[in-house]
């Protein structure tokens, strides 16, 4: 979809912008994978994860300030049929009937590609 293309382009620009400072590591999963393979030390990993999560929270608050009429952040709940469901404002890239294991697997594959 168009949103996926824009997300990909935005992420690519952000990775190139931060490449000199952090090697373009913008995702705690990527930082954790780099820690697991010995490319990051624990102290640096801790700094990265705290900075990445803090940036995500700050970005969400700034977004809410810019557009207070926007729908609330996505809320996930486990439905009766063991499927994760999101509110209508949920992410467009994850179908409402997708199992969490499948989403995790795709994230794992994407992280492996980024780290390798």
C-alpha atoms as a PDB file:
ATOM      1  CA  UNK A   1       0.000   0.000   0.000  1.00  0.00           C
ATOM      2  CA  UNK A   2       0.989   3.635  -0.254  1.00  0.00           C
ATOM      3  CA  UNK A   3       1.501   3.874   3.514  1.00  0.00           C
ATOM      4  CA  UNK A   4       4.001   1.017   3.415  1.00  0.00           C
ATOM      5  CA  UNK A   5       5.994   2.789   0.693  1.00  0.00           C
ATOM      6  CA  UNK A   6       6.075   6.058   2.648  1.00  0.00           C
ATOM      7  CA  UNK A   7       7.027   4.223   5.849  1.00  0.00           C
ATOM      8  CA  UNK A   8       9.848   2.465   4.009  1.00  0.00           C
ATOM      9  CA  UNK A   9      11.151   5.695   2.459  1.00  0.00           C
ATOM     10  CA  UNK A  10      10.957   7.518   5.799  1.00  0.00           C
ATOM     11  CA  UNK A  11      12.798   4.700   7.585  1.00  0.00           C
ATOM     12  CA  UNK A  12      15.474   4.644   4.873  1.00  0.00           C
ATOM     13  CA  UNK A  13      16.034   8.396   5.215  1.00  0.00           C
ATOM     14  CA  UNK A  14      16.209   8.103   9.016  1.00  0.00           C
ATOM     15  CA  UNK A  15      18.716   5.229   8.804  1.00  0.00           C
ATOM     16  CA  UNK A  16      20.965   7.235   6.477  1.00  0.00           C
ATOM     17  CA  UNK A  17      20.655  10.308   8.723  1.00  0.00           C
ATOM     18  CA  UNK A  18      21.756   8.373  11.817  1.00  0.00           C
ATOM     19  CA  UNK A  19      24.297   6.088  10.143  1.00  0.00           C
ATOM     20  CA  UNK A  20      27.353   7.974  11.397  1.00  0.00           C
ATOM     21  CA  UNK A  21      26.111   8.266  14.986  1.00  0.00           C
ATOM     22  CA  UNK A  22      24.624   4.810  15.590  1.00  0.00           C
ATOM     23  CA  UNK A  23      25.123   2.815  12.423  1.00  0.00           C
ATOM     24  CA  UNK A  24      21.478   3.482  11.592  1.00  0.00           C
ATOM     25  CA  UNK A  25      20.191   1.389  14.489  1.00  0.00           C
ATOM     26  CA  UNK A  26      16.704   2.781  15.175  1.00  0.00           C
ATOM     27  CA  UNK A  27      14.890  -0.300  16.398  1.00  0.00           C
ATOM     28  CA  UNK A  28      15.314  -2.014  19.795  1.00  0.00           C
ATOM     29  CA  UNK A  29      14.933  -5.391  18.066  1.00  0.00           C
ATOM     30  CA  UNK A  30      17.871  -4.601  15.779  1.00  0.00           C
ATOM     31  CA  UNK A  31      19.931  -3.371  18.741  1.00  0.00           C
ATOM     32  CA  UNK A  32      19.097  -6.575  20.621  1.00  0.00           C
ATOM     33  CA  UNK A  33      20.089  -8.699  17.636  1.00  0.00           C
ATOM     34  CA  UNK A  34      23.398  -6.820  17.431  1.00  0.00           C
ATOM     35  CA  UNK A  35      23.925  -7.420  21.158  1.00  0.00           C
ATOM     36  CA  UNK A  36      23.205 -11.125  20.679  1.00  0.00           C
ATOM     37  CA  UNK A  37      25.804 -11.470  17.909  1.00  0.00           C
ATOM     38  CA  UNK A  38      28.399  -9.481  19.838  1.00  0.00           C
ATOM     39  CA  UNK A  39      28.365  -6.306  17.732  1.00  0.00           C
ATOM     40  CA  UNK A  40      27.135  -4.129  20.634  1.00  0.00           C
ATOM     41  CA  UNK A  41      28.275  -4.033  24.228  1.00  0.00           C
ATOM     42  CA  UNK A  42      25.654  -4.063  26.994  1.00  0.00           C
ATOM     43  CA  UNK A  43      26.269  -0.424  27.982  1.00  0.00           C
ATOM     44  CA  UNK A  44      25.806   0.834  24.420  1.00  0.00           C
ATOM     45  CA  UNK A  45      22.786  -1.450  23.895  1.00  0.00           C
ATOM     46  CA  UNK A  46      21.143  -0.024  27.037  1.00  0.00           C
ATOM     47  CA  UNK A  47      21.696   3.527  25.800  1.00  0.00           C
ATOM     48  CA  UNK A  48      20.290   2.659  22.345  1.00  0.00           C
ATOM     49  CA  UNK A  49      17.153   0.943  23.680  1.00  0.00           C
ATOM     50  CA  UNK A  50      16.408   3.722  26.186  1.00  0.00           C
ATOM     51  CA  UNK A  51      16.941   6.386  23.496  1.00  0.00           C
ATOM     52  CA  UNK A  52      14.840   4.522  20.905  1.00  0.00           C
ATOM     53  CA  UNK A  53      11.911   3.905  23.266  1.00  0.00           C
ATOM     54  CA  UNK A  54      12.072   7.450  24.650  1.00  0.00           C
ATOM     55  CA  UNK A  55      12.049   8.811  21.099  1.00  0.00           C
ATOM     56  CA  UNK A  56       9.015   6.698  20.225  1.00  0.00           C
ATOM     57  CA  UNK A  57       7.078   7.934  23.260  1.00  0.00           C
ATOM     58  CA  UNK A  58       8.093  11.539  22.630  1.00  0.00           C
ATOM     59  CA  UNK A  59       7.093  11.219  18.975  1.00  0.00           C
ATOM     60  CA  UNK A  60       3.673   9.865  19.948  1.00  0.00           C
ATOM     61  CA  UNK A  61       3.105  12.790  22.311  1.00  0.00           C
ATOM     62  CA  UNK A  62       4.225  15.324  19.706  1.00  0.00           C
ATOM     63  CA  UNK A  63       1.916  13.708  17.163  1.00  0.00           C
ATOM     64  CA  UNK A  64      -0.973  13.940  19.632  1.00  0.00           C
ATOM     65  CA  UNK A  65      -0.197  17.617  20.239  1.00  0.00           C
ATOM     66  CA  UNK A  66      -0.053  18.374  16.519  1.00  0.00           C
ATOM     67  CA  UNK A  67      -3.360  16.642  15.778  1.00  0.00           C
ATOM     68  CA  UNK A  68      -5.493  16.311  18.936  1.00  0.00           C
ATOM     69  CA  UNK A  69      -8.472  15.133  16.858  1.00  0.00           C
ATOM     70  CA  UNK A  70      -6.564  12.045  15.674  1.00  0.00           C
ATOM     71  CA  UNK A  71      -7.885   8.679  16.840  1.00  0.00           C
ATOM     72  CA  UNK A  72      -6.292   7.245  20.000  1.00  0.00           C
ATOM     73  CA  UNK A  73      -3.238   5.047  19.883  1.00  0.00           C
ATOM     74  CA  UNK A  74      -3.888   1.476  18.861  1.00  0.00           C
ATOM     75  CA  UNK A  75      -5.169  -0.776  21.600  1.00  0.00           C
ATOM     76  CA  UNK A  76      -4.635  -4.515  21.166  1.00  0.00           C
ATOM     77  CA  UNK A  77      -6.781  -7.149  22.780  1.00  0.00           C
ATOM     78  CA  UNK A  78      -7.014 -10.899  22.500  1.00  0.00           C
ATOM     79  CA  UNK A  79     -10.358 -11.816  20.966  1.00  0.00           C
ATOM     80  CA  UNK A  80     -12.415 -14.874  21.879  1.00  0.00           C
ATOM     81  CA  UNK A  81     -11.014 -16.806  18.914  1.00  0.00           C
ATOM     82  CA  UNK A  82      -7.382 -16.322  20.026  1.00  0.00           C
ATOM     83  CA  UNK A  83      -6.688 -13.608  17.458  1.00  0.00           C
ATOM     84  CA  UNK A  84      -5.216 -10.217  18.266  1.00  0.00           C
ATOM     85  CA  UNK A  85      -7.507  -7.365  17.325  1.00  0.00           C
ATOM     86  CA  UNK A  86      -6.762  -3.677  16.997  1.00  0.00           C
ATOM     87  CA  UNK A  87      -9.058  -0.698  17.210  1.00  0.00           C
ATOM     88  CA  UNK A  88     -10.068   0.839  13.876  1.00  0.00           C
ATOM     89  CA  UNK A  89      -7.045   3.135  14.200  1.00  0.00           C
ATOM     90  CA  UNK A  90      -4.769   0.093  14.237  1.00  0.00           C
ATOM     91  CA  UNK A  91      -1.877  -0.469  11.882  1.00  0.00           C
ATOM     92  CA  UNK A  92      -2.807  -1.108   8.280  1.00  0.00           C
ATOM     93  CA  UNK A  93       0.088  -3.481   7.754  1.00  0.00           C
ATOM     94  CA  UNK A  94      -1.150  -6.125  10.229  1.00  0.00           C
ATOM     95  CA  UNK A  95      -4.484  -7.765   9.386  1.00  0.00           C
ATOM     96  CA  UNK A  96      -6.883  -7.917  12.320  1.00  0.00           C
ATOM     97  CA  UNK A  97      -7.036 -11.706  12.108  1.00  0.00           C
ATOM     98  CA  UNK A  98      -3.242 -12.241  12.061  1.00  0.00           C
ATOM     99  CA  UNK A  99      -1.819 -14.406  14.803  1.00  0.00           C
ATOM    100  CA  UNK A 100       0.853 -12.797  17.035  1.00  0.00           C
ATOM    101  CA  UNK A 101       3.300 -15.585  16.168  1.00  0.00           C
ATOM    102  CA  UNK A 102       3.106 -14.717  12.479  1.00  0.00           C
ATOM    103  CA  UNK A 103       3.672 -11.026  13.161  1.00  0.00           C
ATOM    104  CA  UNK A 104       6.641 -11.889  15.390  1.00  0.00           C
ATOM    105  CA  UNK A 105       8.056 -14.169  12.700  1.00  0.00           C
ATOM    106  CA  UNK A 106       7.902 -11.442  10.056  1.00  0.00           C
ATOM    107  CA  UNK A 107       9.532  -8.974  12.453  1.00  0.00           C
ATOM    108  CA  UNK A 108      12.237 -11.562  13.152  1.00  0.00           C
ATOM    109  CA  UNK A 109      12.871 -12.062   9.426  1.00  0.00           C
ATOM    110  CA  UNK A 110      13.011  -8.302   8.804  1.00  0.00           C
ATOM    111  CA  UNK A 111      15.407  -7.820  11.713  1.00  0.00           C
ATOM    112  CA  UNK A 112      17.630 -10.655  10.450  1.00  0.00           C
ATOM    113  CA  UNK A 113      17.796  -9.007   7.026  1.00  0.00           C
ATOM    114  CA  UNK A 114      18.722  -5.643   8.582  1.00  0.00           C
ATOM    115  CA  UNK A 115      21.403  -7.146  10.809  1.00  0.00           C
ATOM    116  CA  UNK A 116      22.978  -9.495   8.257  1.00  0.00           C
END
